Amino acid sequence: MSPIRQTIAKRLVEAQHNAALLTTFNEC
């Protein structure tokens, strides 16, 4: 894995583990 791909993977997992993520939707 290139360093960029490793960082992408690390940060995405970090976001899922360390933040309380919620998604809201709308349409325009």
mmCIF file of all heavy atoms, coordinates in Angstrom:
data_MODEL
# 
_entry.id   MODEL 
# 
loop_
_atom_site.group_PDB 
_atom_site.id 
_atom_site.type_symbol 
_atom_site.label_atom_id 
_atom_site.label_alt_id 
_atom_site.label_comp_id 
_atom_site.label_asym_id 
_atom_site.label_entity_id 
_atom_site.label_seq_id 
_atom_site.pdbx_PDB_ins_code 
_atom_site.Cartn_x 
_atom_site.Cartn_y 
_atom_site.Cartn_z 
_atom_site.occupancy 
_atom_site.B_iso_or_equiv 
_atom_site.pdbx_formal_charge 
_atom_site.auth_seq_id 
_atom_site.auth_comp_id 
_atom_site.auth_asym_id 
_atom_site.auth_atom_id 
_atom_site.pdbx_PDB_model_num 
ATOM 1   N N   . MET A 1 1  ? 0.847   -1.187 0.000  1.00 0.00 ? 1  MET A N   1 
ATOM 2   C CA  . MET A 1 1  ? 0.000   0.000  0.000  1.00 0.00 ? 1  MET A CA  1 
ATOM 3   C C   . MET A 1 1  ? 0.886   1.241  0.000  1.00 0.00 ? 1  MET A C   1 
ATOM 4   O O   . MET A 1 1  ? 1.858   1.320  0.751  1.00 0.00 ? 1  MET A O   1 
ATOM 5   C CB  . MET A 1 1  ? -0.911  0.018  1.229  1.00 0.00 ? 1  MET A CB  1 
ATOM 6   C CG  . MET A 1 1  ? -1.964  -1.067 1.239  1.00 0.00 ? 1  MET A CG  1 
ATOM 7   S SD  . MET A 1 1  ? -2.932  -1.083 2.782  1.00 0.00 ? 1  MET A SD  1 
ATOM 8   C CE  . MET A 1 1  ? -3.814  0.473  2.636  1.00 0.00 ? 1  MET A CE  1 
ATOM 9   N N   . SER A 1 2  ? 0.554   2.192  -0.830 1.00 0.00 ? 2  SER A N   1 
ATOM 10  C CA  . SER A 1 2  ? 1.319   3.434  -0.851 1.00 0.00 ? 2  SER A CA  1 
ATOM 11  C C   . SER A 1 2  ? 1.057   4.196  0.440  1.00 0.00 ? 2  SER A C   1 
ATOM 12  O O   . SER A 1 2  ? 0.037   3.988  1.115  1.00 0.00 ? 2  SER A O   1 
ATOM 13  C CB  . SER A 1 2  ? 0.898   4.287  -2.048 1.00 0.00 ? 2  SER A CB  1 
ATOM 14  O OG  . SER A 1 2  ? -0.430  4.760  -1.877 1.00 0.00 ? 2  SER A OG  1 
ATOM 15  N N   . PRO A 1 3  ? 1.943   5.098  0.822  1.00 0.00 ? 3  PRO A N   1 
ATOM 16  C CA  . PRO A 1 3  ? 1.713   5.878  2.038  1.00 0.00 ? 3  PRO A CA  1 
ATOM 17  C C   . PRO A 1 3  ? 0.388   6.631  2.027  1.00 0.00 ? 3  PRO A C   1 
ATOM 18  O O   . PRO A 1 3  ? -0.268  6.757  3.052  1.00 0.00 ? 3  PRO A O   1 
ATOM 19  C CB  . PRO A 1 3  ? 2.908   6.843  2.057  1.00 0.00 ? 3  PRO A CB  1 
ATOM 20  C CG  . PRO A 1 3  ? 3.983   6.107  1.332  1.00 0.00 ? 3  PRO A CG  1 
ATOM 21  C CD  . PRO A 1 3  ? 3.273   5.364  0.244  1.00 0.00 ? 3  PRO A CD  1 
ATOM 22  N N   . ILE A 1 4  ? 0.004   7.145  0.862  1.00 0.00 ? 4  ILE A N   1 
ATOM 23  C CA  . ILE A 1 4  ? -1.262  7.874  0.787  1.00 0.00 ? 4  ILE A CA  1 
ATOM 24  C C   . ILE A 1 4  ? -2.420  6.939  1.082  1.00 0.00 ? 4  ILE A C   1 
ATOM 25  O O   . ILE A 1 4  ? -3.334  7.265  1.854  1.00 0.00 ? 4  ILE A O   1 
ATOM 26  C CB  . ILE A 1 4  ? -1.427  8.523  -0.600 1.00 0.00 ? 4  ILE A CB  1 
ATOM 27  C CG1 . ILE A 1 4  ? -0.475  9.709  -0.743 1.00 0.00 ? 4  ILE A CG1 1 
ATOM 28  C CG2 . ILE A 1 4  ? -2.870  8.973  -0.824 1.00 0.00 ? 4  ILE A CG2 1 
ATOM 29  C CD1 . ILE A 1 4  ? -0.575  10.424 -2.054 1.00 0.00 ? 4  ILE A CD1 1 
ATOM 30  N N   . ARG A 1 5  ? -2.403  5.735  0.490  1.00 0.00 ? 5  ARG A N   1 
ATOM 31  C CA  . ARG A 1 5  ? -3.490  4.786  0.727  1.00 0.00 ? 5  ARG A CA  1 
ATOM 32  C C   . ARG A 1 5  ? -3.487  4.325  2.187  1.00 0.00 ? 5  ARG A C   1 
ATOM 33  O O   . ARG A 1 5  ? -4.553  4.155  2.792  1.00 0.00 ? 5  ARG A O   1 
ATOM 34  C CB  . ARG A 1 5  ? -3.319  3.583  -0.211 1.00 0.00 ? 5  ARG A CB  1 
ATOM 35  C CG  . ARG A 1 5  ? -4.339  2.471  -0.025 1.00 0.00 ? 5  ARG A CG  1 
ATOM 36  C CD  . ARG A 1 5  ? -5.757  2.965  -0.089 1.00 0.00 ? 5  ARG A CD  1 
ATOM 37  N NE  . ARG A 1 5  ? -6.075  3.618  -1.345 1.00 0.00 ? 5  ARG A NE  1 
ATOM 38  C CZ  . ARG A 1 5  ? -7.232  4.212  -1.593 1.00 0.00 ? 5  ARG A CZ  1 
ATOM 39  N NH1 . ARG A 1 5  ? -8.170  4.260  -0.663 1.00 0.00 ? 5  ARG A NH1 1 
ATOM 40  N NH2 . ARG A 1 5  ? -7.444  4.796  -2.760 1.00 0.00 ? 5  ARG A NH2 1 
ATOM 41  N N   . GLN A 1 6  ? -2.322  4.152  2.783  1.00 0.00 ? 6  GLN A N   1 
ATOM 42  C CA  . GLN A 1 6  ? -2.242  3.786  4.200  1.00 0.00 ? 6  GLN A CA  1 
ATOM 43  C C   . GLN A 1 6  ? -2.849  4.883  5.072  1.00 0.00 ? 6  GLN A C   1 
ATOM 44  O O   . GLN A 1 6  ? -3.557  4.600  6.038  1.00 0.00 ? 6  GLN A O   1 
ATOM 45  C CB  . GLN A 1 6  ? -0.785  3.545  4.598  1.00 0.00 ? 6  GLN A CB  1 
ATOM 46  C CG  . GLN A 1 6  ? -0.153  2.314  3.962  1.00 0.00 ? 6  GLN A CG  1 
ATOM 47  C CD  . GLN A 1 6  ? 1.290   2.156  4.390  1.00 0.00 ? 6  GLN A CD  1 
ATOM 48  O OE1 . GLN A 1 6  ? 1.652   2.373  5.531  1.00 0.00 ? 6  GLN A OE1 1 
ATOM 49  N NE2 . GLN A 1 6  ? 2.147   1.773  3.448  1.00 0.00 ? 6  GLN A NE2 1 
ATOM 50  N N   . THR A 1 7  ? -2.556  6.133  4.738  1.00 0.00 ? 7  THR A N   1 
ATOM 51  C CA  . THR A 1 7  ? -3.092  7.242  5.517  1.00 0.00 ? 7  THR A CA  1 
ATOM 52  C C   . THR A 1 7  ? -4.598  7.347  5.365  1.00 0.00 ? 7  THR A C   1 
ATOM 53  O O   . THR A 1 7  ? -5.318  7.610  6.334  1.00 0.00 ? 7  THR A O   1 
ATOM 54  C CB  . THR A 1 7  ? -2.423  8.564  5.084  1.00 0.00 ? 7  THR A CB  1 
ATOM 55  O OG1 . THR A 1 7  ? -1.016  8.465  5.319  1.00 0.00 ? 7  THR A OG1 1 
ATOM 56  C CG2 . THR A 1 7  ? -2.980  9.739  5.872  1.00 0.00 ? 7  THR A CG2 1 
ATOM 57  N N   . ILE A 1 8  ? -5.095  7.153  4.132  1.00 0.00 ? 8  ILE A N   1 
ATOM 58  C CA  . ILE A 1 8  ? -6.538  7.179  3.911  1.00 0.00 ? 8  ILE A CA  1 
ATOM 59  C C   . ILE A 1 8  ? -7.210  6.122  4.779  1.00 0.00 ? 8  ILE A C   1 
ATOM 60  O O   . ILE A 1 8  ? -8.209  6.384  5.465  1.00 0.00 ? 8  ILE A O   1 
ATOM 61  C CB  . ILE A 1 8  ? -6.861  6.940  2.421  1.00 0.00 ? 8  ILE A CB  1 
ATOM 62  C CG1 . ILE A 1 8  ? -6.415  8.147  1.583  1.00 0.00 ? 8  ILE A CG1 1 
ATOM 63  C CG2 . ILE A 1 8  ? -8.355  6.688  2.229  1.00 0.00 ? 8  ILE A CG2 1 
ATOM 64  C CD1 . ILE A 1 8  ? -6.537  7.922  0.090  1.00 0.00 ? 8  ILE A CD1 1 
ATOM 65  N N   . ALA A 1 9  ? -6.656  4.905  4.773  1.00 0.00 ? 9  ALA A N   1 
ATOM 66  C CA  . ALA A 1 9  ? -7.227  3.819  5.564  1.00 0.00 ? 9  ALA A CA  1 
ATOM 67  C C   . ALA A 1 9  ? -7.197  4.149  7.055  1.00 0.00 ? 9  ALA A C   1 
ATOM 68  O O   . ALA A 1 9  ? -8.181  3.955  7.776  1.00 0.00 ? 9  ALA A O   1 
ATOM 69  C CB  . ALA A 1 9  ? -6.458  2.519  5.296  1.00 0.00 ? 9  ALA A CB  1 
ATOM 70  N N   . LYS A 1 10 ? -6.076  4.660  7.512  1.00 0.00 ? 10 LYS A N   1 
ATOM 71  C CA  . LYS A 1 10 ? -5.925  4.983  8.935  1.00 0.00 ? 10 LYS A CA  1 
ATOM 72  C C   . LYS A 1 10 ? -6.900  6.055  9.382  1.00 0.00 ? 10 LYS A C   1 
ATOM 73  O O   . LYS A 1 10 ? -7.556  5.942  10.423 1.00 0.00 ? 10 LYS A O   1 
ATOM 74  C CB  . LYS A 1 10 ? -4.480  5.436  9.199  1.00 0.00 ? 10 LYS A CB  1 
ATOM 75  C CG  . LYS A 1 10 ? -4.211  5.835  10.640 1.00 0.00 ? 10 LYS A CG  1 
ATOM 76  C CD  . LYS A 1 10 ? -2.766  6.315  10.801 1.00 0.00 ? 10 LYS A CD  1 
ATOM 77  C CE  . LYS A 1 10 ? -2.506  6.776  12.224 1.00 0.00 ? 10 LYS A CE  1 
ATOM 78  N NZ  . LYS A 1 10 ? -1.103  7.274  12.385 1.00 0.00 ? 10 LYS A NZ  1 
ATOM 79  N N   . ARG A 1 11 ? -7.028  7.102  8.569  1.00 0.00 ? 11 ARG A N   1 
ATOM 80  C CA  . ARG A 1 11 ? -7.885  8.225  8.955  1.00 0.00 ? 11 ARG A CA  1 
ATOM 81  C C   . ARG A 1 11 ? -9.366  7.854  8.901  1.00 0.00 ? 11 ARG A C   1 
ATOM 82  O O   . ARG A 1 11 ? -10.161 8.322  9.730  1.00 0.00 ? 11 ARG A O   1 
ATOM 83  C CB  . ARG A 1 11 ? -7.592  9.430  8.060  1.00 0.00 ? 11 ARG A CB  1 
ATOM 84  C CG  . ARG A 1 11 ? -6.231  10.055 8.327  1.00 0.00 ? 11 ARG A CG  1 
ATOM 85  C CD  . ARG A 1 11 ? -5.943  11.183 7.361  1.00 0.00 ? 11 ARG A CD  1 
ATOM 86  N NE  . ARG A 1 11 ? -6.809  12.328 7.582  1.00 0.00 ? 11 ARG A NE  1 
ATOM 87  C CZ  . ARG A 1 11 ? -6.579  13.282 8.475  1.00 0.00 ? 11 ARG A CZ  1 
ATOM 88  N NH1 . ARG A 1 11 ? -5.503  13.207 9.254  1.00 0.00 ? 11 ARG A NH1 1 
ATOM 89  N NH2 . ARG A 1 11 ? -7.394  14.305 8.593  1.00 0.00 ? 11 ARG A NH2 1 
ATOM 90  N N   . LEU A 1 12 ? -9.755  7.026  7.938  1.00 0.00 ? 12 LEU A N   1 
ATOM 91  C CA  . LEU A 1 12 ? -11.156 6.618  7.863  1.00 0.00 ? 12 LEU A CA  1 
ATOM 92  C C   . LEU A 1 12 ? -11.544 5.764  9.064  1.00 0.00 ? 12 LEU A C   1 
ATOM 93  O O   . LEU A 1 12 ? -12.621 5.939  9.651  1.00 0.00 ? 12 LEU A O   1 
ATOM 94  C CB  . LEU A 1 12 ? -11.411 5.861  6.560  1.00 0.00 ? 12 LEU A CB  1 
ATOM 95  C CG  . LEU A 1 12 ? -11.323 6.687  5.273  1.00 0.00 ? 12 LEU A CG  1 
ATOM 96  C CD1 . LEU A 1 12 ? -11.597 5.813  4.059  1.00 0.00 ? 12 LEU A CD1 1 
ATOM 97  C CD2 . LEU A 1 12 ? -12.299 7.853  5.304  1.00 0.00 ? 12 LEU A CD2 1 
ATOM 98  N N   . VAL A 1 13 ? -10.665 4.842  9.453  1.00 0.00 ? 13 VAL A N   1 
ATOM 99  C CA  . VAL A 1 13 ? -10.940 4.016  10.633 1.00 0.00 ? 13 VAL A CA  1 
ATOM 100 C C   . VAL A 1 13 ? -10.922 4.884  11.890 1.00 0.00 ? 13 VAL A C   1 
ATOM 101 O O   . VAL A 1 13 ? -11.755 4.722  12.791 1.00 0.00 ? 13 VAL A O   1 
ATOM 102 C CB  . VAL A 1 13 ? -9.912  2.879  10.740 1.00 0.00 ? 13 VAL A CB  1 
ATOM 103 C CG1 . VAL A 1 13 ? -10.083 2.122  12.054 1.00 0.00 ? 13 VAL A CG1 1 
ATOM 104 C CG2 . VAL A 1 13 ? -10.066 1.915  9.568  1.00 0.00 ? 13 VAL A CG2 1 
ATOM 105 N N   . GLU A 1 14 ? -9.991  5.826  11.949 1.00 0.00 ? 14 GLU A N   1 
ATOM 106 C CA  . GLU A 1 14 ? -9.898  6.738  13.089 1.00 0.00 ? 14 GLU A CA  1 
ATOM 107 C C   . GLU A 1 14 ? -11.194 7.530  13.245 1.00 0.00 ? 14 GLU A C   1 
ATOM 108 O O   . GLU A 1 14 ? -11.694 7.713  14.370 1.00 0.00 ? 14 GLU A O   1 
ATOM 109 C CB  . GLU A 1 14 ? -8.720  7.693  12.873 1.00 0.00 ? 14 GLU A CB  1 
ATOM 110 C CG  . GLU A 1 14 ? -8.585  8.781  13.923 1.00 0.00 ? 14 GLU A CG  1 
ATOM 111 C CD  . GLU A 1 14 ? -7.509  9.779  13.549 1.00 0.00 ? 14 GLU A CD  1 
ATOM 112 O OE1 . GLU A 1 14 ? -6.528  9.381  12.885 1.00 0.00 ? 14 GLU A OE1 1 
ATOM 113 O OE2 . GLU A 1 14 ? -7.648  10.965 13.905 1.00 0.00 ? 14 GLU A OE2 1 
ATOM 114 N N   . ALA A 1 15 ? -11.739 7.996  12.113 1.00 0.00 ? 15 ALA A N   1 
ATOM 115 C CA  . ALA A 1 15 ? -12.982 8.767  12.172 1.00 0.00 ? 15 ALA A CA  1 
ATOM 116 C C   . ALA A 1 15 ? -14.128 7.923  12.714 1.00 0.00 ? 15 ALA A C   1 
ATOM 117 O O   . ALA A 1 15 ? -14.946 8.396  13.508 1.00 0.00 ? 15 ALA A O   1 
ATOM 118 C CB  . ALA A 1 15 ? -13.318 9.304  10.785 1.00 0.00 ? 15 ALA A CB  1 
ATOM 119 N N   . GLN A 1 16 ? -14.181 6.660  12.289 1.00 0.00 ? 16 GLN A N   1 
ATOM 120 C CA  . GLN A 1 16 ? -15.254 5.781  12.738 1.00 0.00 ? 16 GLN A CA  1 
ATOM 121 C C   . GLN A 1 16 ? -15.140 5.457  14.230 1.00 0.00 ? 16 GLN A C   1 
ATOM 122 O O   . GLN A 1 16 ? -16.139 5.304  14.931 1.00 0.00 ? 16 GLN A O   1 
ATOM 123 C CB  . GLN A 1 16 ? -15.219 4.471  11.934 1.00 0.00 ? 16 GLN A CB  1 
ATOM 124 C CG  . GLN A 1 16 ? -15.510 4.653  10.448 1.00 0.00 ? 16 GLN A CG  1 
ATOM 125 C CD  . GLN A 1 16 ? -16.990 4.759  10.136 1.00 0.00 ? 16 GLN A CD  1 
ATOM 126 O OE1 . GLN A 1 16 ? -17.749 5.290  10.914 1.00 0.00 ? 16 GLN A OE1 1 
ATOM 127 N NE2 . GLN A 1 16 ? -17.398 4.247  8.993  1.00 0.00 ? 16 GLN A NE2 1 
ATOM 128 N N   . HIS A 1 17 ? -13.917 5.352  14.730 1.00 0.00 ? 17 HIS A N   1 
ATOM 129 C CA  . HIS A 1 17 ? -13.688 4.949  16.120 1.00 0.00 ? 17 HIS A CA  1 
ATOM 130 C C   . HIS A 1 17 ? -13.755 6.114  17.105 1.00 0.00 ? 17 HIS A C   1 
ATOM 131 O O   . HIS A 1 17 ? -14.176 5.940  18.255 1.00 0.00 ? 17 HIS A O   1 
ATOM 132 C CB  . HIS A 1 17 ? -12.326 4.262  16.251 1.00 0.00 ? 17 HIS A CB  1 
ATOM 133 C CG  . HIS A 1 17 ? -12.312 2.887  15.653 1.00 0.00 ? 17 HIS A CG  1 
ATOM 134 N ND1 . HIS A 1 17 ? -11.178 2.101  15.625 1.00 0.00 ? 17 HIS A ND1 1 
ATOM 135 C CD2 . HIS A 1 17 ? -13.283 2.159  15.053 1.00 0.00 ? 17 HIS A CD2 1 
ATOM 136 C CE1 . HIS A 1 17 ? -11.455 0.944  15.040 1.00 0.00 ? 17 HIS A CE1 1 
ATOM 137 N NE2 . HIS A 1 17 ? -12.727 0.966  14.686 1.00 0.00 ? 17 HIS A NE2 1 
ATOM 138 N N   . ASN A 1 18 ? -13.309 7.299  16.668 1.00 0.00 ? 18 ASN A N   1 
ATOM 139 C CA  . ASN A 1 18 ? -13.125 8.403  17.606 1.00 0.00 ? 18 ASN A CA  1 
ATOM 140 C C   . ASN A 1 18 ? -14.206 9.477  17.552 1.00 0.00 ? 18 ASN A C   1 
ATOM 141 O O   . ASN A 1 18 ? -14.187 10.408 18.360 1.00 0.00 ? 18 ASN A O   1 
ATOM 142 C CB  . ASN A 1 18 ? -11.760 9.071  17.372 1.00 0.00 ? 18 ASN A CB  1 
ATOM 143 C CG  . ASN A 1 18 ? -10.611 8.114  17.615 1.00 0.00 ? 18 ASN A CG  1 
ATOM 144 O OD1 . ASN A 1 18 ? -10.742 7.153  18.366 1.00 0.00 ? 18 ASN A OD1 1 
ATOM 145 N ND2 . ASN A 1 18 ? -9.482  8.364  16.989 1.00 0.00 ? 18 ASN A ND2 1 
ATOM 146 N N   . ALA A 1 19 ? -15.106 9.380  16.591 1.00 0.00 ? 19 ALA A N   1 
ATOM 147 C CA  . ALA A 1 19 ? -16.157 10.385 16.484 1.00 0.00 ? 19 ALA A CA  1 
ATOM 148 C C   . ALA A 1 19 ? -17.526 9.712  16.531 1.00 0.00 ? 19 ALA A C   1 
ATOM 149 O O   . ALA A 1 19 ? -17.668 8.535  16.189 1.00 0.00 ? 19 ALA A O   1 
ATOM 150 C CB  . ALA A 1 19 ? -16.006 11.174 15.176 1.00 0.00 ? 19 ALA A CB  1 
ATOM 151 N N   . ALA A 1 20 ? -18.528 10.494 16.971 1.00 0.00 ? 20 ALA A N   1 
ATOM 152 C CA  . ALA A 1 20 ? -19.904 9.986  17.006 1.00 0.00 ? 20 ALA A CA  1 
ATOM 153 C C   . ALA A 1 20 ? -20.587 10.441 15.720 1.00 0.00 ? 20 ALA A C   1 
ATOM 154 O O   . ALA A 1 20 ? -21.216 11.504 15.665 1.00 0.00 ? 20 ALA A O   1 
ATOM 155 C CB  . ALA A 1 20 ? -20.636 10.530 18.229 1.00 0.00 ? 20 ALA A CB  1 
ATOM 156 N N   . LEU A 1 21 ? -20.442 9.657  14.662 1.00 0.00 ? 21 LEU A N   1 
ATOM 157 C CA  . LEU A 1 21 ? -20.890 10.067 13.336 1.00 0.00 ? 21 LEU A CA  1 
ATOM 158 C C   . LEU A 1 21 ? -22.367 9.753  13.115 1.00 0.00 ? 21 LEU A C   1 
ATOM 159 O O   . LEU A 1 21 ? -22.849 8.674  13.459 1.00 0.00 ? 21 LEU A O   1 
ATOM 160 C CB  . LEU A 1 21 ? -20.049 9.382  12.260 1.00 0.00 ? 21 LEU A CB  1 
ATOM 161 C CG  . LEU A 1 21 ? -18.545 9.665  12.295 1.00 0.00 ? 21 LEU A CG  1 
ATOM 162 C CD1 . LEU A 1 21 ? -17.850 8.983  11.128 1.00 0.00 ? 21 LEU A CD1 1 
ATOM 163 C CD2 . LEU A 1 21 ? -18.279 11.160 12.273 1.00 0.00 ? 21 LEU A CD2 1 
ATOM 164 N N   . LEU A 1 22 ? -23.038 10.705 12.522 1.00 0.00 ? 22 LEU A N   1 
ATOM 165 C CA  . LEU A 1 22 ? -24.445 10.555 12.175 1.00 0.00 ? 22 LEU A CA  1 
ATOM 166 C C   . LEU A 1 22 ? -24.660 11.253 10.842 1.00 0.00 ? 22 LEU A C   1 
ATOM 167 O O   . LEU A 1 22 ? -24.023 12.275 10.561 1.00 0.00 ? 22 LEU A O   1 
ATOM 168 C CB  . LEU A 1 22 ? -25.333 11.177 13.256 1.00 0.00 ? 22 LEU A CB  1 
ATOM 169 C CG  . LEU A 1 22 ? -26.839 10.929 13.157 1.00 0.00 ? 22 LEU A CG  1 
ATOM 170 C CD1 . LEU A 1 22 ? -27.154 9.441  13.305 1.00 0.00 ? 22 LEU A CD1 1 
ATOM 171 C CD2 . LEU A 1 22 ? -27.582 11.729 14.231 1.00 0.00 ? 22 LEU A CD2 1 
ATOM 172 N N   . THR A 1 23 ? -25.538 10.718 10.015 1.00 0.00 ? 23 THR A N   1 
ATOM 173 C CA  . THR A 1 23 ? -25.794 11.297 8.698  1.00 0.00 ? 23 THR A CA  1 
ATOM 174 C C   . THR A 1 23 ? -27.260 11.679 8.569  1.00 0.00 ? 23 THR A C   1 
ATOM 175 O O   . THR A 1 23 ? -28.146 10.903 8.928  1.00 0.00 ? 23 THR A O   1 
ATOM 176 C CB  . THR A 1 23 ? -25.422 10.315 7.575  1.00 0.00 ? 23 THR A CB  1 
ATOM 177 O OG1 . THR A 1 23 ? -24.055 9.918  7.714  1.00 0.00 ? 23 THR A OG1 1 
ATOM 178 C CG2 . THR A 1 23 ? -25.610 10.955 6.204  1.00 0.00 ? 23 THR A CG2 1 
ATOM 179 N N   . THR A 1 24 ? -27.496 12.883 8.064  1.00 0.00 ? 24 THR A N   1 
ATOM 180 C CA  . THR A 1 24 ? -28.856 13.331 7.762  1.00 0.00 ? 24 THR A CA  1 
ATOM 181 C C   . THR A 1 24 ? -28.948 13.624 6.272  1.00 0.00 ? 24 THR A C   1 
ATOM 182 O O   . THR A 1 24 ? -27.944 13.991 5.638  1.00 0.00 ? 24 THR A O   1 
ATOM 183 C CB  . THR A 1 24 ? -29.223 14.585 8.585  1.00 0.00 ? 24 THR A CB  1 
ATOM 184 O OG1 . THR A 1 24 ? -30.595 14.916 8.338  1.00 0.00 ? 24 THR A OG1 1 
ATOM 185 C CG2 . THR A 1 24 ? -28.360 15.776 8.218  1.00 0.00 ? 24 THR A CG2 1 
ATOM 186 N N   . PHE A 1 25 ? -30.138 13.443 5.712  1.00 0.00 ? 25 PHE A N   1 
ATOM 187 C CA  . PHE A 1 25 ? -30.312 13.535 4.257  1.00 0.00 ? 25 PHE A CA  1 
ATOM 188 C C   . PHE A 1 25 ? -31.363 14.586 3.894  1.00 0.00 ? 25 PHE A C   1 
ATOM 189 O O   . PHE A 1 25 ? -32.256 14.900 4.684  1.00 0.00 ? 25 PHE A O   1 
ATOM 190 C CB  . PHE A 1 25 ? -30.743 12.185 3.680  1.00 0.00 ? 25 PHE A CB  1 
ATOM 191 C CG  . PHE A 1 25 ? -29.802 11.053 3.976  1.00 0.00 ? 25 PHE A CG  1 
ATOM 192 C CD1 . PHE A 1 25 ? -30.005 10.219 5.060  1.00 0.00 ? 25 PHE A CD1 1 
ATOM 193 C CD2 . PHE A 1 25 ? -28.697 10.824 3.170  1.00 0.00 ? 25 PHE A CD2 1 
ATOM 194 C CE1 . PHE A 1 25 ? -29.142 9.183  5.336  1.00 0.00 ? 25 PHE A CE1 1 
ATOM 195 C CE2 . PHE A 1 25 ? -27.824 9.794  3.436  1.00 0.00 ? 25 PHE A CE2 1 
ATOM 196 C CZ  . PHE A 1 25 ? -28.043 8.959  4.531  1.00 0.00 ? 25 PHE A CZ  1 
ATOM 197 N N   . ASN A 1 26 ? -31.242 15.080 2.684  1.00 0.00 ? 26 ASN A N   1 
ATOM 198 C CA  . ASN A 1 26 ? -32.247 15.957 2.104  1.00 0.00 ? 26 ASN A CA  1 
ATOM 199 C C   . ASN A 1 26 ? -32.102 15.862 0.592  1.00 0.00 ? 26 ASN A C   1 
ATOM 200 O O   . ASN A 1 26 ? -31.207 15.150 0.092  1.00 0.00 ? 26 ASN A O   1 
ATOM 201 C CB  . ASN A 1 26 ? -32.075 17.405 2.581  1.00 0.00 ? 26 ASN A CB  1 
ATOM 202 C CG  . ASN A 1 26 ? -33.399 18.138 2.673  1.00 0.00 ? 26 ASN A CG  1 
ATOM 203 O OD1 . ASN A 1 26 ? -34.271 17.979 1.810  1.00 0.00 ? 26 ASN A OD1 1 
ATOM 204 N ND2 . ASN A 1 26 ? -33.559 18.933 3.727  1.00 0.00 ? 26 ASN A ND2 1 
ATOM 205 N N   . GLU A 1 27 ? -32.949 16.533 -0.133 1.00 0.00 ? 27 GLU A N   1 
ATOM 206 C CA  . GLU A 1 27 ? -32.838 16.567 -1.584 1.00 0.00 ? 27 GLU A CA  1 
ATOM 207 C C   . GLU A 1 27 ? -33.077 17.990 -2.046 1.00 0.00 ? 27 GLU A C   1 
ATOM 208 O O   . GLU A 1 27 ? -33.753 18.775 -1.370 1.00 0.00 ? 27 GLU A O   1 
ATOM 209 C CB  . GLU A 1 27 ? -33.841 15.620 -2.243 1.00 0.00 ? 27 GLU A CB  1 
ATOM 210 C CG  . GLU A 1 27 ? -35.284 15.949 -1.970 1.00 0.00 ? 27 GLU A CG  1 
ATOM 211 C CD  . GLU A 1 27 ? -36.243 14.992 -2.666 1.00 0.00 ? 27 GLU A CD  1 
ATOM 212 O OE1 . GLU A 1 27 ? -35.768 14.125 -3.416 1.00 0.00 ? 27 GLU A OE1 1 
ATOM 213 O OE2 . GLU A 1 27 ? -37.458 15.143 -2.457 1.00 0.00 ? 27 GLU A OE2 1 
ATOM 214 N N   . CYS A 1 28 ? -32.482 18.339 -3.180 1.00 0.00 ? 28 CYS A N   1 
ATOM 215 C CA  . CYS A 1 28 ? -32.677 19.692 -3.680 1.00 0.00 ? 28 CYS A CA  1 
ATOM 216 C C   . CYS A 1 28 ? -32.974 19.664 -5.167 1.00 0.00 ? 28 CYS A C   1 
ATOM 217 O O   . CYS A 1 28 ? -32.498 18.793 -5.907 1.00 0.00 ? 28 CYS A O   1 
ATOM 218 C CB  . CYS A 1 28 ? -31.476 20.580 -3.377 1.00 0.00 ? 28 CYS A CB  1 
ATOM 219 S SG  . CYS A 1 28 ? -29.934 20.057 -4.146 1.00 0.00 ? 28 CYS A SG  1 
# 
